[in-house]
Amino acid sequence: MIGRISTVGTLKKYFKNRSINKLIYWFHSSSYGEYLQIEPVISGVKEIEPEAIILLSFSSPSGYDQVDAENIDCKIYLPFDFPWTIYRVFKIVNPRKMIFASYDIWPNWIWIAAWNKIHTNVIAARVKNHSNKTKPVLRNIYRSIYGSMASIYTVTEKDHIRIRSLVGSGASTIIRVLGDPRYDQVKTHADDYTRERVESLLDREKRLVTGSMHSEDEQIILNPLISYMLENNDLKVLWVPHEPSVSEIKRLIKLFQRSGLSVGVIGSKNNLTIPDEQLVIVSVVGILSKLYWQAQVAYIGGGFSTGIHNVMEPAIARLPVIFGPKYHHAHEAEELLESGGGFCVKTGEEFIGYLSRILSGRDRLTEASYSATNVIHQNIGSSTRIVRGLIRD
């Protein structure tokens, strides 16, 4: 709240001695996760137009507090979307393009930008089948929002068809299928870490990583997993809670110890050596993407509650990925399922069935691993296409 109140002052100060007509690209993302989606696009724009000013706004502290990149010239909270505030902001800054990441679209900003002849764009746009956006009443609102945008870059051809239908034939909006730049971001970050980690998946320890675990995931898979581990003591598990508070880590340690498992803890970001215990709990954030490279299979949490978390990171680490039924917001999860690199489960028994099958032989593990990684490689290149579109459209 305080950050959004002070934004106008921040913009005034930054642009005080800069021309309002200078080349400015304004990117907006709701949070840190969406910032990672547009990060390779920002880098690409800055590479082609190094003199351009990159203005980056956030809706939440998770993005604002964590992002401190060289390519960002000015970082702000998105100002309140009162019409008078927006008009005031556009008198201070006149961007060539205002680019929204995926879902966090603010109607008043779109409409008033259009009235001011400012080019607005959304990248990685998606409209799911049977979305509320296509229902009566809401459809008219979203037709006005999307129809007021200068350009929309969708993830898939299906998204293109749905958005084109939503916008209607009367709008001049440019709609292109350019993919999801998160694939490029995941690949780039993986390359930075894995230049020396080229060992085969089959040479790694037989280890399952349970990433970003919610209590709802625990209720489904925990007891079946413990029973399976007690029967198969060659399987090791890296348990990564979604919110690793001190009390949560203590609770998990007691829970697993009472079950008869040996328990270790990773408590430092600087030491990625996994202890020898059969069950190891990760009590720090920010290292999960690197830990996947020391495993053979992953289960990603959130699929029984708010929606699954990042399935790209385990896939690029060559892991088959298991997850719960709430995955439809994630195009990459749908592709993993279609390719044979992803597995959706609704019960603990299904989870153990897939886990056992994946780990039952070299051929099955290798085939699922290849299918998962291939989804990433087939989708690389979106950020370059989006940068070209932003420069051209």
Protein backbone atom coordinates (compact mmCIF):
# COMPACT_ATOMS: atom_id res chain seq x y z
CA MET A 1 0.00 0.00 0.00
CA ILE A 2 2.70 2.51 1.04
CA GLY A 3 4.77 1.58 -2.01
CA ARG A 4 1.87 2.29 -4.37
CA ILE A 5 1.18 5.63 -2.69
CA SER A 6 4.78 6.78 -3.22
CA THR A 7 5.03 5.62 -6.86
CA VAL A 8 4.07 8.94 -8.47
CA GLY A 9 6.79 10.67 -6.46
CA THR A 10 9.31 8.03 -7.52
CA LEU A 11 8.44 8.55 -11.19
CA LYS A 12 8.63 12.34 -10.88
CA LYS A 13 12.08 12.09 -9.34
CA TYR A 14 13.40 9.62 -11.93
CA PHE A 15 12.07 11.47 -14.99
CA LYS A 16 12.78 14.98 -13.68
CA ASN A 17 15.87 15.44 -15.85
CA ARG A 18 14.90 13.00 -18.61
CA SER A 19 12.89 13.70 -21.73
CA ILE A 20 9.32 12.47 -21.55
CA ASN A 21 9.66 11.40 -25.20
CA LYS A 22 12.71 9.21 -24.58
CA LEU A 23 12.31 5.59 -25.71
CA ILE A 24 10.61 3.86 -22.77
CA TYR A 25 9.36 0.29 -22.42
CA TRP A 26 7.11 -0.20 -19.41
CA PHE A 27 6.84 -3.83 -18.29
CA HIS A 28 4.37 -4.94 -15.62
CA SER A 29 4.17 -8.22 -13.72
CA SER A 30 2.15 -9.14 -10.66
CA SER A 31 4.87 -10.97 -8.76
CA TYR A 32 8.35 -12.47 -8.86
CA GLY A 33 7.09 -15.55 -10.68
CA GLU A 34 5.66 -13.48 -13.53
CA TYR A 35 8.82 -11.36 -13.62
CA LEU A 36 10.80 -14.51 -14.40
CA GLN A 37 8.49 -14.96 -17.38
CA ILE A 38 9.36 -11.56 -18.85
CA GLU A 39 13.01 -11.44 -17.77
CA PRO A 40 14.39 -12.83 -21.07
CA VAL A 41 12.18 -10.42 -23.02
CA ILE A 42 13.52 -7.44 -21.07
CA SER A 43 17.08 -8.63 -21.72
CA GLY A 44 16.32 -8.98 -25.43
CA VAL A 45 14.83 -5.50 -25.73
CA LYS A 46 17.78 -3.98 -23.89
CA GLU A 47 20.22 -5.82 -26.15
CA ILE A 48 18.60 -4.45 -29.32
CA GLU A 49 17.85 -0.97 -27.96
CA PRO A 50 20.47 -0.34 -25.23
CA GLU A 51 19.52 3.35 -24.92
CA ALA A 52 15.92 2.52 -24.06
CA ILE A 53 14.65 3.03 -20.52
CA ILE A 54 13.17 -0.11 -18.96
CA LEU A 55 10.49 0.75 -16.41
CA LEU A 56 9.29 -2.24 -14.38
CA SER A 57 6.23 -2.26 -12.14
CA PHE A 58 4.89 -4.87 -9.72
CA SER A 59 1.61 -5.48 -7.94
CA SER A 60 3.12 -7.39 -5.01
CA PRO A 61 6.17 -7.17 -2.72
CA SER A 62 7.32 -10.66 -3.80
CA GLY A 63 8.46 -9.15 -7.08
CA TYR A 64 9.48 -5.69 -5.99
CA ASP A 65 11.65 -6.90 -3.11
CA GLN A 66 13.44 -9.71 -4.99
CA VAL A 67 14.27 -8.11 -8.34
CA ASP A 68 17.44 -6.07 -8.69
CA ALA A 69 18.62 -6.56 -12.26
CA GLU A 70 21.04 -4.48 -14.33
CA ASN A 71 18.54 -4.22 -17.18
CA ILE A 72 15.95 -2.46 -15.00
CA ASP A 73 16.35 1.32 -15.03
CA CYS A 74 13.43 2.20 -12.78
CA LYS A 75 11.45 -0.15 -10.50
CA ILE A 76 8.09 0.80 -8.99
CA TYR A 77 4.85 -0.53 -7.61
CA LEU A 78 2.03 -0.16 -10.13
CA PRO A 79 0.19 3.05 -9.16
CA PHE A 80 -3.43 2.80 -8.08
CA ASP A 81 -5.72 2.46 -11.08
CA PHE A 82 -7.86 5.50 -10.34
CA PRO A 83 -8.39 7.34 -13.65
CA TRP A 84 -7.01 10.61 -12.29
CA THR A 85 -3.87 8.83 -11.04
CA ILE A 86 -3.31 7.16 -14.41
CA TYR A 87 -3.71 10.44 -16.33
CA ARG A 88 -1.21 12.02 -13.94
CA VAL A 89 1.30 9.19 -14.44
CA PHE A 90 1.05 9.41 -18.24
CA LYS A 91 1.95 13.10 -18.01
CA ILE A 92 5.16 12.09 -16.24
CA VAL A 93 6.06 9.08 -18.37
CA ASN A 94 5.03 8.45 -21.98
CA PRO A 95 6.08 4.87 -22.82
CA ARG A 96 6.39 3.61 -26.38
CA LYS A 97 4.99 0.30 -25.19
CA MET A 98 3.27 -0.81 -21.98
CA ILE A 99 3.65 -4.58 -21.69
CA PHE A 100 1.70 -6.79 -19.30
CA ALA A 101 2.81 -10.29 -18.32
CA SER A 102 0.20 -12.97 -18.81
CA TYR A 103 -2.77 -12.56 -16.43
CA ASP A 104 -2.22 -9.34 -14.44
CA ILE A 105 -4.15 -6.97 -16.70
CA TRP A 106 -5.62 -3.75 -15.30
CA PRO A 107 -8.61 -2.46 -17.34
CA ASN A 108 -8.31 1.25 -16.47
CA TRP A 109 -4.64 1.24 -17.48
CA ILE A 110 -5.51 -0.45 -20.78
CA TRP A 111 -8.40 1.87 -21.60
CA ILE A 112 -6.68 5.13 -20.66
CA ALA A 113 -3.45 4.09 -22.42
CA ALA A 114 -5.51 3.50 -25.57
CA TRP A 115 -7.09 6.95 -25.27
CA ASN A 116 -3.58 8.40 -24.95
CA LYS A 117 -2.45 6.42 -28.03
CA ILE A 118 0.03 4.38 -25.96
CA HIS A 119 0.67 0.90 -27.37
CA THR A 120 -0.39 -1.76 -24.84
CA ASN A 121 0.56 -5.41 -25.12
CA VAL A 122 0.15 -8.64 -23.17
CA ILE A 123 2.65 -11.47 -23.58
CA ALA A 124 2.07 -15.17 -22.86
CA ALA A 125 -1.68 -14.52 -23.00
CA ARG A 126 -3.95 -17.45 -22.28
CA VAL A 127 -7.70 -18.01 -22.27
CA LYS A 128 -8.61 -21.45 -21.00
CA ASN A 129 -11.41 -23.53 -22.45
CA HIS A 130 -14.72 -22.60 -20.77
CA SER A 131 -13.05 -19.56 -19.16
CA ASN A 132 -15.34 -17.10 -17.35
CA LYS A 133 -14.03 -14.50 -19.79
CA THR A 134 -16.15 -16.11 -22.50
CA LYS A 135 -19.37 -16.19 -20.44
CA PRO A 136 -22.21 -13.64 -20.89
CA VAL A 137 -21.72 -10.22 -19.22
CA LEU A 138 -18.03 -10.86 -18.51
CA ARG A 139 -17.48 -11.52 -22.20
CA ASN A 140 -18.45 -7.94 -23.07
CA ILE A 141 -16.10 -6.54 -20.45
CA TYR A 142 -13.15 -8.61 -21.65
CA ARG A 143 -13.98 -7.84 -25.28
CA SER A 144 -13.56 -4.17 -24.41
CA ILE A 145 -10.31 -4.81 -22.50
CA TYR A 146 -8.63 -7.04 -25.09
CA GLY A 147 -10.05 -5.03 -27.96
CA SER A 148 -8.43 -1.88 -26.54
CA MET A 149 -4.97 -3.47 -26.61
CA ALA A 150 -2.69 -2.79 -29.55
CA SER A 151 -1.17 -6.28 -29.60
CA ILE A 152 -1.61 -9.62 -27.86
CA TYR A 153 0.92 -12.47 -27.99
CA THR A 154 -0.60 -15.83 -27.08
CA VAL A 155 1.04 -19.03 -25.87
CA THR A 156 -0.77 -21.48 -28.17
CA GLU A 157 -2.88 -21.54 -31.30
CA LYS A 158 -5.90 -22.47 -29.16
CA ASP A 159 -5.37 -19.33 -27.07
CA HIS A 160 -5.14 -17.33 -30.29
CA ILE A 161 -8.48 -18.69 -31.52
CA ARG A 162 -10.24 -18.00 -28.20
CA ILE A 163 -8.87 -14.46 -27.89
CA ARG A 164 -9.64 -13.68 -31.53
CA SER A 165 -13.20 -14.85 -30.94
CA LEU A 166 -13.40 -12.79 -27.75
CA VAL A 167 -12.05 -9.63 -29.38
CA GLY A 168 -14.26 -9.92 -32.44
CA SER A 169 -13.64 -8.92 -36.03
CA GLY A 170 -14.10 -5.19 -35.48
CA ALA A 171 -10.98 -4.63 -33.35
CA SER A 172 -7.62 -3.68 -34.84
CA THR A 173 -5.70 -5.63 -32.19
CA ILE A 174 -2.70 -7.57 -33.55
CA ILE A 175 -2.83 -11.15 -32.23
CA ARG A 176 0.14 -13.47 -32.72
CA VAL A 177 1.08 -16.94 -31.43
CA LEU A 178 4.58 -16.40 -30.01
CA GLY A 179 4.80 -18.88 -27.12
CA ASP A 180 5.82 -18.63 -23.47
CA PRO A 181 9.19 -16.98 -22.66
CA ARG A 182 9.42 -18.88 -19.38
CA TYR A 183 10.87 -21.80 -21.31
CA ASP A 184 13.82 -19.61 -22.32
CA GLN A 185 14.24 -18.32 -18.77
CA VAL A 186 14.33 -21.83 -17.32
CA LYS A 187 16.76 -23.03 -20.00
CA THR A 188 19.11 -20.05 -19.48
CA HIS A 189 19.20 -20.43 -15.71
CA ALA A 190 19.73 -24.18 -16.04
CA ASP A 191 22.62 -23.64 -18.47
CA ASP A 192 24.29 -21.25 -16.03
CA TYR A 193 24.28 -23.96 -13.36
CA THR A 194 24.75 -27.16 -15.33
CA ARG A 195 27.78 -26.59 -17.53
CA GLU A 196 29.68 -29.10 -15.39
CA ARG A 197 26.69 -31.26 -14.41
CA VAL A 198 26.41 -33.41 -17.50
CA GLU A 199 26.17 -36.81 -15.80
CA SER A 200 23.46 -39.13 -17.02
CA LEU A 201 20.17 -39.30 -15.18
CA LEU A 202 20.87 -42.98 -14.66
CA ASP A 203 24.09 -42.18 -12.79
CA ARG A 204 22.27 -40.14 -10.16
CA GLU A 205 21.04 -41.55 -6.87
CA LYS A 206 17.54 -42.98 -6.88
CA ARG A 207 15.94 -39.89 -5.36
CA LEU A 208 12.51 -38.26 -5.47
CA VAL A 209 12.22 -34.50 -4.99
CA THR A 210 8.87 -33.36 -3.61
CA GLY A 211 8.92 -29.65 -4.45
CA SER A 212 6.76 -26.82 -3.05
CA MET A 213 4.67 -29.12 -0.88
CA HIS A 214 1.36 -27.87 0.52
CA SER A 215 -0.53 -29.47 3.39
CA GLU A 216 -3.09 -30.75 0.86
CA ASP A 217 -0.33 -32.62 -1.01
CA GLU A 218 0.88 -34.06 2.27
CA GLN A 219 -2.58 -35.40 3.07
CA ILE A 220 -2.66 -37.29 -0.23
CA ILE A 221 0.84 -38.68 -0.73
CA LEU A 222 2.63 -38.67 2.64
CA ASN A 223 1.48 -41.94 4.21
CA PRO A 224 1.72 -43.97 0.97
CA LEU A 225 5.19 -42.51 0.35
CA ILE A 226 6.44 -43.37 3.85
CA SER A 227 5.19 -46.95 3.48
CA TYR A 228 6.87 -47.22 0.08
CA MET A 229 10.17 -45.87 1.46
CA LEU A 230 10.15 -48.35 4.34
CA GLU A 231 9.67 -51.18 1.83
CA ASN A 232 12.22 -49.76 -0.65
CA ASN A 233 15.08 -48.37 1.41
CA ASP A 234 17.14 -47.62 -1.70
CA LEU A 235 14.78 -44.72 -2.51
CA LYS A 236 15.78 -41.38 -1.03
CA VAL A 237 13.48 -38.37 -0.80
CA LEU A 238 14.15 -34.65 -0.71
CA TRP A 239 11.11 -33.00 0.92
CA VAL A 240 10.73 -29.28 0.12
CA PRO A 241 7.85 -27.51 1.93
CA HIS A 242 6.23 -24.54 0.19
CA GLU A 243 6.65 -22.41 3.33
CA PRO A 244 9.67 -23.68 5.31
CA SER A 245 9.04 -21.90 8.61
CA VAL A 246 10.96 -23.00 11.70
CA SER A 247 7.83 -24.56 13.20
CA GLU A 248 7.05 -26.40 9.95
CA ILE A 249 10.55 -27.87 9.74
CA LYS A 250 10.37 -29.05 13.37
CA ARG A 251 6.98 -30.65 12.72
CA LEU A 252 8.25 -32.49 9.65
CA ILE A 253 11.36 -33.76 11.42
CA LYS A 254 9.26 -35.25 14.24
CA LEU A 255 6.73 -36.69 11.80
CA PHE A 256 9.30 -38.51 9.66
CA GLN A 257 11.35 -39.68 12.64
CA ARG A 258 8.25 -41.20 14.26
CA SER A 259 7.68 -43.07 11.00
CA GLY A 260 11.03 -44.82 11.37
CA LEU A 261 12.94 -42.91 8.69
CA SER A 262 16.40 -41.39 9.08
CA VAL A 263 16.03 -37.62 8.69
CA GLY A 264 18.48 -34.91 7.60
CA VAL A 265 18.12 -31.20 6.87
CA ILE A 266 19.58 -28.83 4.26
CA GLY A 267 19.75 -25.47 5.99
CA SER A 268 22.16 -23.45 3.85
CA LYS A 269 21.92 -21.94 0.38
CA ASN A 270 25.67 -22.21 -0.02
CA ASN A 271 26.01 -25.96 0.45
CA LEU A 272 24.06 -28.11 -1.99
CA THR A 273 25.52 -31.39 -0.77
CA ILE A 274 22.59 -33.61 0.18
CA PRO A 275 23.01 -35.51 3.49
CA ASP A 276 23.00 -39.32 3.43
CA GLU A 277 19.76 -39.78 5.37
CA GLN A 278 16.90 -41.43 3.49
CA LEU A 279 14.60 -38.42 4.03
CA VAL A 280 16.10 -34.94 3.77
CA ILE A 281 14.09 -31.77 4.44
CA VAL A 282 15.01 -28.47 2.74
CA SER A 283 14.59 -25.56 5.18
CA VAL A 284 15.77 -22.73 2.89
CA VAL A 285 14.32 -21.19 -0.26
CA GLY A 286 15.98 -20.42 -3.58
CA ILE A 287 17.86 -23.66 -4.25
CA LEU A 288 15.16 -26.05 -5.44
CA SER A 289 15.95 -25.65 -9.15
CA LYS A 290 19.54 -26.78 -8.48
CA LEU A 291 18.57 -29.71 -6.27
CA TYR A 292 16.53 -31.28 -9.07
CA TRP A 293 19.82 -32.12 -10.77
CA GLN A 294 20.58 -34.59 -7.96
CA ALA A 295 17.40 -36.65 -8.42
CA GLN A 296 15.64 -38.97 -10.85
CA VAL A 297 11.98 -38.00 -10.46
CA ALA A 298 9.94 -35.10 -9.06
CA TYR A 299 6.56 -34.51 -7.50
CA ILE A 300 5.42 -30.87 -7.69
CA GLY A 301 3.02 -29.55 -5.06
CA GLY A 302 0.00 -27.29 -5.27
CA GLY A 303 -2.10 -29.58 -7.44
CA PHE A 304 -4.60 -30.30 -4.67
CA SER A 305 -5.02 -26.68 -3.57
CA THR A 306 -4.03 -23.43 -5.32
CA GLY A 307 -2.63 -24.99 -8.50
CA ILE A 308 0.69 -26.64 -9.29
CA HIS A 309 3.96 -24.79 -8.96
CA ASN A 310 6.83 -24.70 -11.49
CA VAL A 311 7.08 -27.94 -13.48
CA MET A 312 9.57 -26.51 -15.99
CA GLU A 313 12.53 -26.59 -13.60
CA PRO A 314 12.39 -30.35 -12.93
CA ALA A 315 11.69 -31.02 -16.61
CA ILE A 316 14.82 -29.16 -17.77
CA ALA A 317 16.74 -31.14 -15.13
CA ARG A 318 15.61 -34.25 -17.05
CA LEU A 319 13.11 -35.44 -14.43
CA PRO A 320 9.74 -37.06 -15.10
CA VAL A 321 7.21 -34.90 -13.22
CA ILE A 322 4.23 -36.04 -11.13
CA PHE A 323 1.57 -33.57 -9.95
CA GLY A 324 -2.02 -33.23 -8.74
CA PRO A 325 -5.19 -32.47 -10.74
CA LYS A 326 -5.16 -28.65 -10.53
CA TYR A 327 -2.78 -28.00 -13.41
CA HIS A 328 -4.93 -26.43 -16.15
CA HIS A 329 -3.50 -22.94 -15.61
CA ALA A 330 -0.11 -24.29 -16.70
CA HIS A 331 0.28 -24.91 -20.43
CA GLU A 332 3.61 -26.64 -19.79
CA ALA A 333 1.92 -29.23 -17.54
CA GLU A 334 -0.55 -30.03 -20.31
CA GLU A 335 2.35 -30.52 -22.72
CA LEU A 336 4.18 -32.76 -20.25
CA LEU A 337 1.11 -34.97 -19.96
CA GLU A 338 0.73 -35.17 -23.74
CA SER A 339 4.41 -36.02 -24.22
CA GLY A 340 4.60 -38.74 -21.56
CA GLY A 341 6.95 -36.76 -19.34
CA GLY A 342 4.23 -35.71 -16.89
CA PHE A 343 1.84 -37.74 -14.75
CA CYS A 344 -1.33 -36.47 -13.05
CA VAL A 345 -2.51 -38.22 -9.88
CA LYS A 346 -5.67 -37.88 -7.80
CA THR A 347 -4.89 -40.36 -5.02
CA GLY A 348 -1.93 -41.60 -3.02
CA GLU A 349 -2.26 -44.99 -4.65
CA GLU A 350 -1.98 -43.46 -8.12
CA PHE A 351 1.09 -41.53 -6.98
CA ILE A 352 2.86 -44.66 -5.77
CA GLY A 353 1.82 -46.49 -8.92
CA TYR A 354 3.42 -43.92 -11.21
CA LEU A 355 6.48 -43.51 -8.98
CA SER A 356 7.07 -47.27 -8.90
CA ARG A 357 6.55 -47.60 -12.65
CA ILE A 358 8.93 -44.75 -13.52
CA LEU A 359 11.68 -46.15 -11.32
CA SER A 360 11.11 -49.81 -12.25
CA GLY A 361 13.61 -49.90 -15.10
CA ARG A 362 16.20 -47.95 -17.05
CA ASP A 363 14.15 -47.82 -20.24
CA ARG A 364 11.00 -46.43 -18.59
CA LEU A 365 12.96 -43.84 -16.64
CA THR A 366 14.97 -42.76 -19.69
CA GLU A 367 11.88 -42.53 -21.91
CA ALA A 368 9.94 -40.40 -19.41
CA SER A 369 13.01 -38.25 -18.78
CA TYR A 370 13.52 -37.57 -22.49
CA SER A 371 9.84 -36.75 -22.97
CA ALA A 372 9.92 -34.21 -20.11
CA THR A 373 13.07 -32.44 -21.28
CA ASN A 374 11.92 -32.43 -24.89
CA VAL A 375 8.90 -30.28 -23.96
CA ILE A 376 11.29 -27.53 -22.86
CA HIS A 377 13.53 -27.75 -25.92
CA GLN A 378 10.59 -27.72 -28.35
CA ASN A 379 9.33 -24.44 -26.87
CA ILE A 380 12.60 -22.50 -26.69
CA GLY A 381 12.83 -19.29 -28.72
CA SER A 382 9.67 -17.52 -27.61
CA SER A 383 11.47 -14.55 -26.03
CA THR A 384 13.27 -13.77 -29.32
CA ARG A 385 9.97 -13.87 -31.22
CA ILE A 386 8.32 -11.62 -28.64
CA VAL A 387 11.17 -9.08 -28.74
CA ARG A 388 10.87 -8.92 -32.54
CA GLY A 389 7.14 -8.41 -32.20
CA LEU A 390 7.53 -5.61 -29.65
CA ILE A 391 10.01 -3.79 -31.88
CA ARG A 392 7.94 -4.30 -35.05
CA ASP A 393 4.27 -4.01 -34.04
